[in-house]
Amino acid sequence: MKKPPSAKEHFDKGKMFIDQNDFDNAILEFTEAIRLDPDNSIGYFERGYTYLYYKKDYDSAIADYDQAIRFDPNNAGAYSHRGVAYGQGKKDYDRAIEDFTQAINLDPDFAIAYSNRGLAYRFKNENGRAIADYTEAIRINPYYALAYFNRGLAYQNEGDTAKADADFAKAEELGISGGERGYLRGYAEKNN
């Protein structure tokens, strides 16, 4: 008799479905992996990631990251992704900042968490704090084009055109194209 698939096999199949852009089946596979191994934070993390970035189901993502954190309270990535769900999805920037701060406390070299916290501060019109976080993200990763771009927007909000233009130029040098720049500016203006 053939042995039924293990939690790991369901997890691996879920990752395969993500690679195939079949997000509904990926969620089903991660759900089955969780059913078979309910104390494993990775299944919750991956299903939360799928809900967050591919399905834009922020409530389900937050619920899964809550569980991932419950089983692995030192998972900086889970805090950071939950912060994205709160900030970008729910527009709860204070809660997002709390999660990004916890991610940074767990991993002080987590450039993306600094950049994301900077974004939340910028959406709250706290441009000075945003600039400080983007600057730290750039210190950690000097090739982080999006951090330069977002810092440029914060400088622009502060009226410092010279610093904004320098950061926009550096972002383009590092790979953000003019088209992406236009899209990102439009997104930033829509969400301010």
N, C-alpha and C. Protein backbone atom coordinates (compact mmCIF):
# COMPACT_ATOMS: atom_id res chain seq x y z
N MET A 1 0.84 -1.19 0.00
CA MET A 1 0.00 0.00 0.00
C MET A 1 0.89 1.25 0.00
N LYS A 2 0.51 2.22 -0.82
CA LYS A 2 1.30 3.44 -0.95
C LYS A 2 1.06 4.35 0.25
N LYS A 3 2.14 4.88 0.78
CA LYS A 3 2.09 5.79 1.93
C LYS A 3 1.53 7.15 1.47
N PRO A 4 0.63 7.76 2.27
CA PRO A 4 0.11 9.08 1.89
C PRO A 4 1.21 10.13 1.95
N PRO A 5 1.06 11.21 1.17
CA PRO A 5 2.09 12.26 1.16
C PRO A 5 2.29 12.87 2.54
N SER A 6 3.52 13.20 2.84
CA SER A 6 3.88 13.83 4.11
C SER A 6 3.62 15.34 4.04
N ALA A 7 3.72 15.98 5.20
CA ALA A 7 3.59 17.44 5.25
C ALA A 7 4.64 18.09 4.35
N LYS A 8 5.87 17.59 4.39
CA LYS A 8 6.93 18.16 3.56
C LYS A 8 6.61 18.01 2.08
N GLU A 9 6.06 16.86 1.70
CA GLU A 9 5.71 16.67 0.28
C GLU A 9 4.62 17.65 -0.14
N HIS A 10 3.63 17.90 0.73
CA HIS A 10 2.59 18.89 0.42
C HIS A 10 3.21 20.30 0.36
N PHE A 11 4.11 20.58 1.27
CA PHE A 11 4.79 21.87 1.27
C PHE A 11 5.55 22.06 -0.04
N ASP A 12 6.33 21.04 -0.44
CA ASP A 12 7.11 21.12 -1.69
C ASP A 12 6.19 21.29 -2.90
N LYS A 13 5.05 20.60 -2.87
CA LYS A 13 4.10 20.72 -3.97
C LYS A 13 3.50 22.13 -4.01
N GLY A 14 3.26 22.70 -2.83
CA GLY A 14 2.78 24.08 -2.78
C GLY A 14 3.77 25.04 -3.41
N LYS A 15 5.06 24.87 -3.11
CA LYS A 15 6.09 25.71 -3.71
C LYS A 15 6.12 25.53 -5.24
N MET A 16 5.93 24.28 -5.69
CA MET A 16 5.90 24.02 -7.12
C MET A 16 4.72 24.76 -7.77
N PHE A 17 3.56 24.75 -7.12
CA PHE A 17 2.40 25.45 -7.67
C PHE A 17 2.66 26.97 -7.72
N ILE A 18 3.37 27.51 -6.73
CA ILE A 18 3.71 28.93 -6.79
C ILE A 18 4.58 29.21 -8.01
N ASP A 19 5.56 28.35 -8.26
CA ASP A 19 6.42 28.51 -9.44
C ASP A 19 5.61 28.47 -10.73
N GLN A 20 4.46 27.79 -10.71
CA GLN A 20 3.59 27.68 -11.89
C GLN A 20 2.47 28.74 -11.89
N ASN A 21 2.53 29.67 -10.93
CA ASN A 21 1.51 30.72 -10.79
C ASN A 21 0.12 30.15 -10.54
N ASP A 22 0.06 29.00 -9.89
CA ASP A 22 -1.22 28.37 -9.53
C ASP A 22 -1.39 28.55 -8.01
N PHE A 23 -1.81 29.74 -7.63
CA PHE A 23 -1.80 30.12 -6.22
C PHE A 23 -2.91 29.45 -5.41
N ASP A 24 -4.04 29.17 -6.04
CA ASP A 24 -5.12 28.49 -5.32
C ASP A 24 -4.68 27.08 -4.91
N ASN A 25 -4.06 26.36 -5.83
CA ASN A 25 -3.58 25.02 -5.48
C ASN A 25 -2.40 25.08 -4.51
N ALA A 26 -1.59 26.12 -4.60
CA ALA A 26 -0.50 26.29 -3.63
C ALA A 26 -1.09 26.42 -2.23
N ILE A 27 -2.12 27.24 -2.09
CA ILE A 27 -2.76 27.42 -0.78
C ILE A 27 -3.34 26.10 -0.28
N LEU A 28 -3.96 25.34 -1.17
CA LEU A 28 -4.50 24.03 -0.77
C LEU A 28 -3.40 23.10 -0.26
N GLU A 29 -2.26 23.10 -0.94
CA GLU A 29 -1.15 22.24 -0.53
C GLU A 29 -0.56 22.71 0.80
N PHE A 30 -0.39 24.03 0.98
CA PHE A 30 0.12 24.52 2.26
C PHE A 30 -0.87 24.22 3.38
N THR A 31 -2.15 24.31 3.09
CA THR A 31 -3.17 24.00 4.09
C THR A 31 -3.09 22.54 4.51
N GLU A 32 -2.88 21.67 3.55
CA GLU A 32 -2.75 20.23 3.88
C GLU A 32 -1.46 19.99 4.67
N ALA A 33 -0.38 20.67 4.33
CA ALA A 33 0.87 20.53 5.09
C ALA A 33 0.65 20.98 6.52
N ILE A 34 -0.09 22.06 6.71
CA ILE A 34 -0.39 22.55 8.07
C ILE A 34 -1.26 21.55 8.82
N ARG A 35 -2.24 20.96 8.12
CA ARG A 35 -3.11 19.96 8.77
C ARG A 35 -2.28 18.79 9.29
N LEU A 36 -1.30 18.38 8.51
CA LEU A 36 -0.47 17.23 8.90
C LEU A 36 0.60 17.58 9.93
N ASP A 37 1.03 18.83 9.95
CA ASP A 37 2.08 19.28 10.88
C ASP A 37 1.71 20.68 11.39
N PRO A 38 0.70 20.75 12.28
CA PRO A 38 0.14 22.05 12.66
C PRO A 38 1.06 22.93 13.51
N ASP A 39 2.14 22.40 14.02
CA ASP A 39 3.05 23.20 14.84
C ASP A 39 4.26 23.72 14.07
N ASN A 40 4.26 23.54 12.76
CA ASN A 40 5.39 23.94 11.93
C ASN A 40 5.11 25.32 11.35
N SER A 41 5.91 26.29 11.74
CA SER A 41 5.67 27.68 11.32
C SER A 41 5.86 27.90 9.83
N ILE A 42 6.63 27.06 9.16
CA ILE A 42 6.95 27.29 7.75
C ILE A 42 5.70 27.20 6.87
N GLY A 43 4.82 26.27 7.14
CA GLY A 43 3.59 26.17 6.36
C GLY A 43 2.75 27.42 6.47
N TYR A 44 2.61 27.94 7.70
CA TYR A 44 1.86 29.19 7.89
C TYR A 44 2.56 30.35 7.18
N PHE A 45 3.89 30.39 7.29
CA PHE A 45 4.66 31.46 6.66
C PHE A 45 4.43 31.47 5.15
N GLU A 46 4.57 30.31 4.51
CA GLU A 46 4.45 30.23 3.06
C GLU A 46 3.01 30.49 2.60
N ARG A 47 2.04 29.97 3.33
CA ARG A 47 0.65 30.24 2.95
C ARG A 47 0.35 31.72 3.14
N GLY A 48 0.85 32.31 4.22
CA GLY A 48 0.68 33.74 4.44
C GLY A 48 1.31 34.55 3.33
N TYR A 49 2.48 34.15 2.89
CA TYR A 49 3.16 34.83 1.79
C TYR A 49 2.32 34.77 0.52
N THR A 50 1.73 33.61 0.27
CA THR A 50 0.88 33.44 -0.91
C THR A 50 -0.35 34.32 -0.82
N TYR A 51 -0.99 34.33 0.35
CA TYR A 51 -2.16 35.20 0.53
C TYR A 51 -1.77 36.67 0.35
N LEU A 52 -0.64 37.07 0.91
CA LEU A 52 -0.24 38.47 0.91
C LEU A 52 0.13 38.97 -0.48
N TYR A 53 1.06 38.30 -1.13
CA TYR A 53 1.63 38.84 -2.35
C TYR A 53 0.93 38.40 -3.63
N TYR A 54 0.26 37.25 -3.59
CA TYR A 54 -0.36 36.75 -4.82
C TYR A 54 -1.88 36.87 -4.82
N LYS A 55 -2.50 36.78 -3.65
CA LYS A 55 -3.96 36.84 -3.58
C LYS A 55 -4.46 38.18 -3.02
N LYS A 56 -3.58 38.95 -2.41
CA LYS A 56 -3.93 40.24 -1.79
C LYS A 56 -5.03 40.05 -0.74
N ASP A 57 -5.00 38.91 -0.07
CA ASP A 57 -5.95 38.60 1.01
C ASP A 57 -5.22 38.90 2.32
N TYR A 58 -5.31 40.17 2.73
CA TYR A 58 -4.50 40.65 3.85
C TYR A 58 -4.92 40.05 5.18
N ASP A 59 -6.21 39.85 5.39
CA ASP A 59 -6.67 39.27 6.65
C ASP A 59 -6.16 37.84 6.82
N SER A 60 -6.23 37.05 5.74
CA SER A 60 -5.73 35.67 5.82
C SER A 60 -4.22 35.66 6.00
N ALA A 61 -3.52 36.58 5.34
CA ALA A 61 -2.07 36.66 5.51
C ALA A 61 -1.72 36.98 6.96
N ILE A 62 -2.41 37.96 7.53
CA ILE A 62 -2.14 38.34 8.92
C ILE A 62 -2.39 37.16 9.85
N ALA A 63 -3.50 36.45 9.64
CA ALA A 63 -3.81 35.28 10.49
C ALA A 63 -2.70 34.23 10.39
N ASP A 64 -2.21 33.99 9.18
CA ASP A 64 -1.13 33.00 9.03
C ASP A 64 0.17 33.48 9.66
N TYR A 65 0.49 34.74 9.50
CA TYR A 65 1.72 35.24 10.13
C TYR A 65 1.59 35.25 11.65
N ASP A 66 0.38 35.49 12.17
CA ASP A 66 0.16 35.36 13.62
C ASP A 66 0.55 33.96 14.08
N GLN A 67 0.11 32.95 13.33
CA GLN A 67 0.43 31.56 13.69
C GLN A 67 1.92 31.27 13.52
N ALA A 68 2.51 31.75 12.43
CA ALA A 68 3.94 31.52 12.22
C ALA A 68 4.74 32.10 13.38
N ILE A 69 4.35 33.29 13.83
CA ILE A 69 5.04 33.95 14.95
C ILE A 69 4.78 33.19 16.24
N ARG A 70 3.58 32.68 16.41
CA ARG A 70 3.26 31.90 17.61
C ARG A 70 4.21 30.70 17.75
N PHE A 71 4.47 30.03 16.62
CA PHE A 71 5.33 28.85 16.66
C PHE A 71 6.81 29.17 16.54
N ASP A 72 7.15 30.35 16.03
CA ASP A 72 8.55 30.76 15.91
C ASP A 72 8.64 32.26 16.17
N PRO A 73 8.63 32.66 17.45
CA PRO A 73 8.61 34.09 17.78
C PRO A 73 9.87 34.85 17.39
N ASN A 74 10.89 34.17 16.92
CA ASN A 74 12.12 34.84 16.49
C ASN A 74 12.22 34.95 14.97
N ASN A 75 11.11 34.74 14.27
CA ASN A 75 11.10 34.79 12.81
C ASN A 75 10.90 36.24 12.36
N ALA A 76 12.00 36.92 12.11
CA ALA A 76 11.96 38.33 11.70
C ALA A 76 11.18 38.50 10.41
N GLY A 77 11.30 37.56 9.49
CA GLY A 77 10.59 37.64 8.22
C GLY A 77 9.09 37.63 8.40
N ALA A 78 8.59 36.84 9.35
CA ALA A 78 7.14 36.79 9.58
C ALA A 78 6.64 38.14 10.10
N TYR A 79 7.40 38.76 10.99
CA TYR A 79 7.01 40.09 11.47
C TYR A 79 7.03 41.10 10.32
N SER A 80 8.06 41.04 9.48
CA SER A 80 8.18 41.98 8.38
C SER A 80 7.03 41.83 7.38
N HIS A 81 6.73 40.59 7.00
CA HIS A 81 5.63 40.37 6.05
C HIS A 81 4.28 40.75 6.66
N ARG A 82 4.10 40.46 7.94
CA ARG A 82 2.84 40.87 8.58
C ARG A 82 2.75 42.39 8.59
N GLY A 83 3.89 43.06 8.78
CA GLY A 83 3.92 44.52 8.70
C GLY A 83 3.49 45.02 7.33
N VAL A 84 3.91 44.34 6.28
CA VAL A 84 3.48 44.71 4.93
C VAL A 84 1.97 44.57 4.81
N ALA A 85 1.42 43.47 5.34
CA ALA A 85 -0.03 43.26 5.28
C ALA A 85 -0.77 44.37 6.02
N TYR A 86 -0.28 44.74 7.20
CA TYR A 86 -0.92 45.82 7.94
C TYR A 86 -0.77 47.17 7.22
N GLY A 87 0.41 47.44 6.70
CA GLY A 87 0.68 48.75 6.10
C GLY A 87 0.05 48.89 4.72
N GLN A 88 0.49 48.05 3.79
CA GLN A 88 0.01 48.18 2.41
C GLN A 88 -1.43 47.71 2.28
N GLY A 89 -1.78 46.67 3.00
CA GLY A 89 -3.12 46.11 2.85
C GLY A 89 -4.18 46.81 3.67
N LYS A 90 -3.91 47.01 4.94
CA LYS A 90 -4.91 47.54 5.87
C LYS A 90 -4.75 49.04 6.13
N LYS A 91 -3.65 49.62 5.67
CA LYS A 91 -3.34 51.04 5.91
C LYS A 91 -3.23 51.36 7.40
N ASP A 92 -2.89 50.35 8.19
CA ASP A 92 -2.67 50.51 9.63
C ASP A 92 -1.17 50.68 9.83
N TYR A 93 -0.70 51.91 9.59
CA TYR A 93 0.73 52.16 9.58
C TYR A 93 1.37 52.03 10.96
N ASP A 94 0.63 52.36 12.01
CA ASP A 94 1.20 52.21 13.35
C ASP A 94 1.47 50.74 13.66
N ARG A 95 0.53 49.89 13.33
CA ARG A 95 0.72 48.45 13.57
C ARG A 95 1.85 47.92 12.69
N ALA A 96 1.91 48.40 11.45
CA ALA A 96 2.99 47.99 10.55
C ALA A 96 4.34 48.37 11.13
N ILE A 97 4.44 49.60 11.65
CA ILE A 97 5.69 50.07 12.24
C ILE A 97 6.09 49.20 13.42
N GLU A 98 5.12 48.79 14.24
CA GLU A 98 5.42 47.88 15.36
C GLU A 98 6.04 46.58 14.85
N ASP A 99 5.45 46.02 13.79
CA ASP A 99 5.99 44.75 13.28
C ASP A 99 7.36 44.93 12.64
N PHE A 100 7.56 46.00 11.87
CA PHE A 100 8.88 46.22 11.28
C PHE A 100 9.93 46.46 12.36
N THR A 101 9.54 47.15 13.41
CA THR A 101 10.47 47.39 14.52
C THR A 101 10.85 46.08 15.18
N GLN A 102 9.88 45.20 15.39
CA GLN A 102 10.19 43.89 15.98
C GLN A 102 11.11 43.08 15.06
N ALA A 103 10.87 43.14 13.75
CA ALA A 103 11.74 42.44 12.81
C ALA A 103 13.17 42.97 12.91
N ILE A 104 13.30 44.28 13.03
CA ILE A 104 14.62 44.91 13.15
C ILE A 104 15.28 44.54 14.48
N ASN A 105 14.49 44.48 15.55
CA ASN A 105 15.04 44.06 16.84
C ASN A 105 15.60 42.64 16.76
N LEU A 106 14.91 41.77 16.01
CA LEU A 106 15.36 40.38 15.87
C LEU A 106 16.54 40.26 14.91
N ASP A 107 16.59 41.13 13.90
CA ASP A 107 17.64 41.07 12.89
C ASP A 107 18.05 42.51 12.53
N PRO A 108 19.00 43.07 13.26
CA PRO A 108 19.39 44.48 13.06
C PRO A 108 19.95 44.79 11.67
N ASP A 109 20.27 43.79 10.88
CA ASP A 109 20.78 44.01 9.52
C ASP A 109 19.72 43.72 8.45
N PHE A 110 18.46 43.78 8.82
CA PHE A 110 17.34 43.47 7.93
C PHE A 110 16.97 44.74 7.15
N ALA A 111 17.68 44.97 6.05
CA ALA A 111 17.52 46.20 5.27
C ALA A 111 16.08 46.39 4.78
N ILE A 112 15.44 45.32 4.35
CA ILE A 112 14.07 45.44 3.85
C ILE A 112 13.12 45.91 4.95
N ALA A 113 13.31 45.45 6.17
CA ALA A 113 12.45 45.89 7.27
C ALA A 113 12.63 47.38 7.53
N TYR A 114 13.88 47.87 7.47
CA TYR A 114 14.11 49.31 7.62
C TYR A 114 13.40 50.08 6.50
N SER A 115 13.54 49.59 5.27
CA SER A 115 12.94 50.27 4.14
C SER A 115 11.41 50.27 4.25
N ASN A 116 10.85 49.14 4.64
CA ASN A 116 9.39 49.06 4.79
C ASN A 116 8.90 49.94 5.93
N ARG A 117 9.65 49.99 7.02
CA ARG A 117 9.25 50.89 8.11
C ARG A 117 9.34 52.34 7.64
N GLY A 118 10.36 52.64 6.84
CA GLY A 118 10.47 53.98 6.27
C GLY A 118 9.26 54.32 5.42
N LEU A 119 8.79 53.37 4.66
CA LEU A 119 7.60 53.59 3.83
C LEU A 119 6.39 53.90 4.71
N ALA A 120 6.22 53.14 5.79
CA ALA A 120 5.09 53.39 6.70
C ALA A 120 5.20 54.79 7.32
N TYR A 121 6.41 55.17 7.72
CA TYR A 121 6.60 56.53 8.26
C TYR A 121 6.27 57.58 7.19
N ARG A 122 6.70 57.33 5.95
CA ARG A 122 6.43 58.30 4.90
C ARG A 122 4.93 58.44 4.66
N PHE A 123 4.21 57.33 4.69
CA PHE A 123 2.76 57.40 4.51
C PHE A 123 2.08 58.14 5.68
N LYS A 124 2.77 58.20 6.82
CA LYS A 124 2.26 58.99 7.95
C LYS A 124 2.78 60.43 7.91
N ASN A 125 3.47 60.78 6.83
CA ASN A 125 4.08 62.10 6.66
C ASN A 125 5.14 62.39 7.72
N GLU A 126 5.80 61.36 8.22
CA GLU A 126 6.93 61.50 9.13
C GLU A 126 8.20 61.29 8.31
N ASN A 127 8.46 62.26 7.43
CA ASN A 127 9.53 62.11 6.45
C ASN A 127 10.92 62.03 7.07
N GLY A 128 11.15 62.73 8.17
CA GLY A 128 12.45 62.65 8.83
C GLY A 128 12.75 61.24 9.31
N ARG A 129 11.77 60.60 9.92
CA ARG A 129 11.96 59.22 10.37
C ARG A 129 12.10 58.28 9.17
N ALA A 130 11.33 58.54 8.12
CA ALA A 130 11.44 57.73 6.91
C ALA A 130 12.85 57.83 6.33
N ILE A 131 13.37 59.05 6.23
CA ILE A 131 14.72 59.25 5.69
C ILE A 131 15.75 58.51 6.52
N ALA A 132 15.60 58.55 7.84
CA ALA A 132 16.55 57.84 8.71
C ALA A 132 16.51 56.33 8.45
N ASP A 133 15.30 55.77 8.28
CA ASP A 133 15.19 54.33 8.02
C ASP A 133 15.73 53.96 6.64
N TYR A 134 15.42 54.76 5.62
CA TYR A 134 15.96 54.47 4.29
C TYR A 134 17.48 54.57 4.30
N THR A 135 18.01 55.54 5.03
CA THR A 135 19.46 55.70 5.12
C THR A 135 20.09 54.48 5.77
N GLU A 136 19.46 53.95 6.79
CA GLU A 136 19.98 52.74 7.44
C GLU A 136 19.90 51.55 6.49
N ALA A 137 18.79 51.42 5.76
CA ALA A 137 18.67 50.33 4.78
C ALA A 137 19.79 50.41 3.75
N ILE A 138 20.09 51.62 3.30
CA ILE A 138 21.16 51.83 2.32
C ILE A 138 22.53 51.55 2.93
N ARG A 139 22.72 51.89 4.20
CA ARG A 139 23.99 51.58 4.87
C ARG A 139 24.20 50.07 4.89
N ILE A 140 23.14 49.33 5.18
CA ILE A 140 23.23 47.86 5.24
C ILE A 140 23.43 47.28 3.83
N ASN A 141 22.70 47.82 2.87
CA ASN A 141 22.77 47.32 1.49
C ASN A 141 22.89 48.50 0.54
N PRO A 142 24.10 48.90 0.19
CA PRO A 142 24.29 50.09 -0.65
C PRO A 142 23.78 49.92 -2.09
N TYR A 143 23.32 48.73 -2.45
CA TYR A 143 22.79 48.47 -3.79
C TYR A 143 21.26 48.38 -3.80
N TYR A 144 20.63 48.84 -2.76
CA TYR A 144 19.18 48.71 -2.58
C TYR A 144 18.49 49.89 -3.29
N ALA A 145 18.21 49.70 -4.58
CA ALA A 145 17.68 50.77 -5.43
C ALA A 145 16.36 51.34 -4.90
N LEU A 146 15.47 50.47 -4.44
CA LEU A 146 14.16 50.95 -3.98
C LEU A 146 14.30 51.84 -2.74
N ALA A 147 15.27 51.57 -1.89
CA ALA A 147 15.48 52.43 -0.72
C ALA A 147 15.94 53.82 -1.15
N TYR A 148 16.82 53.88 -2.16
CA TYR A 148 17.22 55.19 -2.68
C TYR A 148 16.02 55.92 -3.26
N PHE A 149 15.21 55.21 -4.05
CA PHE A 149 14.04 55.82 -4.67
C PHE A 149 13.09 56.37 -3.60
N ASN A 150 12.77 55.54 -2.61
CA ASN A 150 11.83 55.97 -1.56
C ASN A 150 12.41 57.10 -0.71
N ARG A 151 13.71 57.06 -0.46
CA ARG A 151 14.31 58.18 0.27
C ARG A 151 14.21 59.45 -0.56
N GLY A 152 14.37 59.31 -1.88
CA GLY A 152 14.20 60.46 -2.76
C GLY A 152 12.80 61.06 -2.65
N LEU A 153 11.78 60.19 -2.57
CA LEU A 153 10.41 60.69 -2.39
C LEU A 153 10.26 61.42 -1.06
N ALA A 154 10.88 60.89 -0.01
CA ALA A 154 10.79 61.54 1.30
C ALA A 154 11.51 62.90 1.27
N TYR A 155 12.68 62.95 0.62
CA TYR A 155 13.37 64.24 0.47
C TYR A 155 12.51 65.21 -0.34
N GLN A 156 11.88 64.70 -1.37
CA GLN A 156 11.00 65.54 -2.19
C GLN A 156 9.86 66.10 -1.35
N ASN A 157 9.27 65.25 -0.50
CA ASN A 157 8.20 65.70 0.39
C ASN A 157 8.68 66.79 1.33
N GLU A 158 9.97 66.75 1.68
CA GLU A 158 10.56 67.74 2.57
C GLU A 158 11.02 68.99 1.82
N GLY A 159 10.91 68.97 0.50
CA GLY A 159 11.30 70.13 -0.30
C GLY A 159 12.78 70.17 -0.65
N ASP A 160 13.51 69.09 -0.41
CA ASP A 160 14.94 69.05 -0.71
C ASP A 160 15.14 68.40 -2.09
N THR A 161 14.97 69.20 -3.12
CA THR A 161 15.01 68.71 -4.49
C THR A 161 16.37 68.15 -4.86
N ALA A 162 17.44 68.78 -4.40
CA ALA A 162 18.79 68.32 -4.76
C ALA A 162 19.04 66.90 -4.24
N LYS A 163 18.71 66.66 -2.98
CA LYS A 163 18.90 65.31 -2.43
C LYS A 163 17.94 64.32 -3.07
N ALA A 164 16.72 64.74 -3.34
CA ALA A 164 15.74 63.86 -4.00
C ALA A 164 16.27 63.45 -5.38
N ASP A 165 16.72 64.43 -6.17
CA ASP A 165 17.22 64.12 -7.51
C ASP A 165 18.45 63.21 -7.46
N ALA A 166 19.33 63.42 -6.48
CA ALA A 166 20.51 62.56 -6.34
C ALA A 166 20.09 61.12 -6.04
N ASP A 167 19.10 60.96 -5.15
CA ASP A 167 18.63 59.60 -4.83
C ASP A 167 17.90 58.96 -6.02
N PHE A 168 17.11 59.73 -6.75
CA PHE A 168 16.44 59.18 -7.93
C PHE A 168 17.47 58.73 -8.96
N ALA A 169 18.51 59.52 -9.15
CA ALA A 169 19.57 59.16 -10.11
C ALA A 169 20.28 57.88 -9.66
N LYS A 170 20.56 57.76 -8.36
CA LYS A 170 21.23 56.56 -7.85
C LYS A 170 20.32 55.34 -8.02
N ALA A 171 19.02 55.51 -7.76
CA ALA A 171 18.07 54.40 -7.93
C ALA A 171 18.06 53.93 -9.39
N GLU A 172 18.07 54.87 -10.33
CA GLU A 172 18.10 54.50 -11.74
C GLU A 172 19.42 53.81 -12.09
N GLU A 173 20.53 54.33 -11.56
CA GLU A 173 21.83 53.72 -11.80
C GLU A 173 21.84 52.27 -11.32
N LEU A 174 21.13 52.00 -10.22
CA LEU A 174 21.09 50.66 -9.64
C LEU A 174 20.01 49.76 -10.25
N GLY A 175 19.21 50.32 -11.16
CA GLY A 175 18.29 49.43 -11.86
C GLY A 175 16.83 49.80 -11.90
N ILE A 176 16.41 50.85 -11.22
CA ILE A 176 15.02 51.26 -11.34
C ILE A 176 14.92 52.09 -12.62
N SER A 177 14.12 51.61 -13.55
CA SER A 177 14.00 52.29 -14.84
C SER A 177 13.07 53.49 -14.74
N GLY A 178 13.10 54.31 -15.76
CA GLY A 178 12.22 55.48 -15.80
C GLY A 178 10.75 55.08 -15.71
N GLY A 179 10.36 53.99 -16.39
CA GLY A 179 8.98 53.51 -16.33
C GLY A 179 8.59 53.07 -14.94
N GLU A 180 9.48 52.33 -14.29
CA GLU A 180 9.22 51.91 -12.91
C GLU A 180 9.12 53.13 -12.00
N ARG A 181 9.98 54.10 -12.25
CA ARG A 181 9.98 55.31 -11.44
C ARG A 181 8.63 56.01 -11.55
N GLY A 182 8.09 56.11 -12.76
CA GLY A 182 6.78 56.72 -12.95
C GLY A 182 5.68 55.95 -12.24
N TYR A 183 5.73 54.63 -12.34
CA TYR A 183 4.75 53.79 -11.67
C TYR A 183 4.85 53.96 -10.15
N LEU A 184 6.07 53.90 -9.63
CA LEU A 184 6.26 54.01 -8.18
C LEU A 184 5.85 55.39 -7.66
N ARG A 185 6.13 56.43 -8.43
CA ARG A 185 5.71 57.78 -8.02
C ARG A 185 4.18 57.86 -7.97
N GLY A 186 3.53 57.30 -9.00
CA GLY A 186 2.06 57.29 -9.02
C GLY A 186 1.49 56.53 -7.84
N TYR A 187 2.09 55.39 -7.50
CA TYR A 187 1.65 54.60 -6.35
C TYR A 187 1.84 55.41 -5.07
N ALA A 188 2.98 56.07 -4.95
CA ALA A 188 3.25 56.85 -3.73
C ALA A 188 2.26 58.00 -3.60
N GLU A 189 1.97 58.69 -4.69
CA GLU A 189 1.03 59.80 -4.63
C GLU A 189 -0.37 59.31 -4.29
N LYS A 190 -0.77 58.19 -4.84
CA LYS A 190 -2.10 57.63 -4.58
C LYS A 190 -2.26 57.23 -3.11
N ASN A 191 -1.17 56.79 -2.49
CA ASN A 191 -1.23 56.26 -1.13
C ASN A 191 -0.82 57.28 -0.07
N ASN A 192 -0.52 58.50 -0.46
CA ASN A 192 -0.18 59.54 0.53
C ASN A 192 -1.43 60.22 1.03
